[in-house]
Amino acid sequence: MSNGSARLPVTPDGRYFVVRGRLWRTTNPGLDADARTRLVKELMDARRAVKSAKAATDADALADARAAVHNAKVALGERGAVWWNDGAPDFNRHLARNTPYRDWFEALPTDSGDSNIEP
């Protein structure tokens, strides 16, 4: 359930991390380490392919690369069907202040100088 940086706050239930006040779904913690490593590598390869396709102004390659990014994110649990099974709704990409996480979010310390937390 790593969010890539220990500086980003993670909701108490571990489902989201916060960047600039917005919730982003974390990777499915149920993935085994080998699968997660493989999928993260696929995601990074796909992101590099997006950059290359943009630089080459290759629309077909760009579409393929973006599809690969999406597929990797779905496999990681960051997009698509939620990875939890308690019936809770998905608040991915919602502003934290507009979700049931509002009180938790508003209680976060803001004196750290980290502009990623603030909306």
Protein backbone atom coordinates (compact mmCIF):
# COMPACT_ATOMS: atom_id res chain seq x y z
CA MET A 1 0.00 0.00 0.00
CA SER A 2 2.96 2.27 -0.52
CA ASN A 3 2.11 5.64 -1.98
CA GLY A 4 5.61 6.27 -3.23
CA SER A 5 6.44 8.84 -0.59
CA ALA A 6 6.31 8.70 3.18
CA ARG A 7 5.47 12.43 3.13
CA LEU A 8 2.02 11.98 1.60
CA PRO A 9 -0.77 11.39 4.09
CA VAL A 10 -2.67 8.12 3.77
CA THR A 11 -6.25 7.76 4.98
CA PRO A 12 -6.69 5.74 8.17
CA ASP A 13 -8.18 2.84 6.20
CA GLY A 14 -5.22 2.83 3.78
CA ARG A 15 -7.39 3.25 0.69
CA TYR A 16 -6.17 6.66 -0.45
CA PHE A 17 -3.27 9.06 -0.25
CA VAL A 18 -3.71 12.81 -0.59
CA VAL A 19 -2.06 15.16 -3.07
CA ARG A 20 -3.12 18.83 -3.06
CA GLY A 21 -6.31 17.97 -1.20
CA ARG A 22 -7.38 15.24 -3.62
CA LEU A 23 -7.73 11.55 -2.78
CA TRP A 24 -5.87 9.05 -4.97
CA ARG A 25 -6.43 5.32 -4.57
CA THR A 26 -3.49 3.35 -3.23
CA THR A 27 -2.21 0.14 -4.73
CA ASN A 28 -4.08 -2.98 -3.69
CA PRO A 29 -2.29 -4.21 -0.53
CA GLY A 30 -3.41 -7.74 -1.38
CA LEU A 31 -1.01 -7.97 -4.31
CA ASP A 32 2.01 -10.12 -3.62
CA ALA A 33 5.40 -8.40 -3.84
CA ASP A 34 6.38 -10.05 -7.14
CA ALA A 35 3.13 -9.08 -8.86
CA ARG A 36 3.34 -5.53 -7.52
CA THR A 37 6.94 -5.15 -8.68
CA ARG A 38 6.09 -6.47 -12.15
CA LEU A 39 3.05 -4.20 -12.48
CA VAL A 40 4.94 -1.12 -11.30
CA LYS A 41 7.63 -1.87 -13.89
CA GLU A 42 4.92 -2.15 -16.57
CA LEU A 43 3.45 1.16 -15.42
CA MET A 44 6.81 2.93 -15.55
CA ASP A 45 7.57 1.45 -18.99
CA ALA A 46 4.17 2.64 -20.20
CA ARG A 47 4.75 6.14 -18.82
CA ARG A 48 8.09 6.31 -20.61
CA ALA A 49 6.30 5.19 -23.79
CA VAL A 50 3.82 8.06 -23.35
CA LYS A 51 6.71 10.51 -23.11
CA SER A 52 8.40 9.05 -26.19
CA ALA A 53 5.20 9.05 -28.22
CA LYS A 54 4.54 12.68 -27.31
CA ALA A 55 8.06 13.65 -28.31
CA ALA A 56 7.63 11.83 -31.62
CA THR A 57 4.12 13.26 -32.09
CA ASP A 58 2.96 9.71 -32.85
CA ALA A 59 -0.77 9.63 -32.12
CA ASP A 60 -1.11 5.86 -32.51
CA ALA A 61 1.82 5.13 -30.20
CA LEU A 62 0.47 7.67 -27.71
CA ALA A 63 -2.93 5.98 -27.64
CA ASP A 64 -1.29 2.58 -27.16
CA ALA A 65 0.96 3.90 -24.39
CA ARG A 66 -1.91 5.58 -22.56
CA ALA A 67 -3.90 2.34 -22.76
CA ALA A 68 -0.91 0.50 -21.26
CA VAL A 69 -0.76 3.03 -18.40
CA HIS A 70 -4.46 2.55 -17.76
CA ASN A 71 -4.20 -1.25 -17.84
CA ALA A 72 -1.29 -1.24 -15.39
CA LYS A 73 -3.16 1.07 -13.01
CA VAL A 74 -6.24 -1.15 -13.16
CA ALA A 75 -4.10 -4.22 -12.42
CA LEU A 76 -2.52 -2.40 -9.46
CA GLY A 77 -5.97 -1.52 -8.13
CA GLU A 78 -5.51 2.22 -8.56
CA ARG A 79 -8.30 2.42 -11.16
CA GLY A 80 -11.26 0.28 -12.08
CA ALA A 81 -13.09 -1.83 -9.53
CA VAL A 82 -12.16 -1.12 -5.94
CA TRP A 83 -9.95 -3.63 -4.16
CA TRP A 84 -11.88 -3.59 -0.89
CA ASN A 85 -15.00 -5.67 -0.40
CA ASP A 86 -16.99 -3.94 2.33
CA GLY A 87 -19.24 -2.09 -0.10
CA ALA A 88 -17.75 1.34 0.64
CA PRO A 89 -17.93 3.73 -2.31
CA ASP A 90 -14.90 4.87 -4.27
CA PHE A 91 -13.75 8.44 -3.66
CA ASN A 92 -10.76 8.27 -6.01
CA ARG A 93 -9.91 11.73 -7.39
CA HIS A 94 -12.45 13.45 -5.11
CA LEU A 95 -11.44 16.40 -2.98
CA ALA A 96 -10.98 15.07 0.53
CA ARG A 97 -13.07 17.89 1.96
CA ASN A 98 -16.08 16.62 -0.03
CA THR A 99 -15.90 13.06 1.30
CA PRO A 100 -16.37 11.21 4.58
CA TYR A 101 -12.61 11.73 5.08
CA ARG A 102 -13.17 15.46 5.61
CA ASP A 103 -12.65 15.51 9.39
CA TRP A 104 -9.51 13.38 9.12
CA PHE A 105 -8.17 15.60 6.32
CA GLU A 106 -8.90 18.84 8.16
CA ALA A 107 -7.07 17.50 11.24
CA LEU A 108 -3.84 16.95 9.29
CA PRO A 109 -1.00 19.23 10.34
CA THR A 110 -0.46 22.03 7.85
CA ASP A 111 2.71 23.54 9.30
CA SER A 112 4.98 21.04 7.55
CA GLY A 113 5.42 23.29 4.51
CA ASP A 114 4.33 20.42 2.26
CA SER A 115 2.27 21.97 -0.52
CA ASN A 116 1.06 18.53 -1.57
CA ILE A 117 -1.37 18.34 1.35
CA GLU A 118 -3.16 21.62 0.86
CA PRO A 119 -6.10 21.91 -1.55
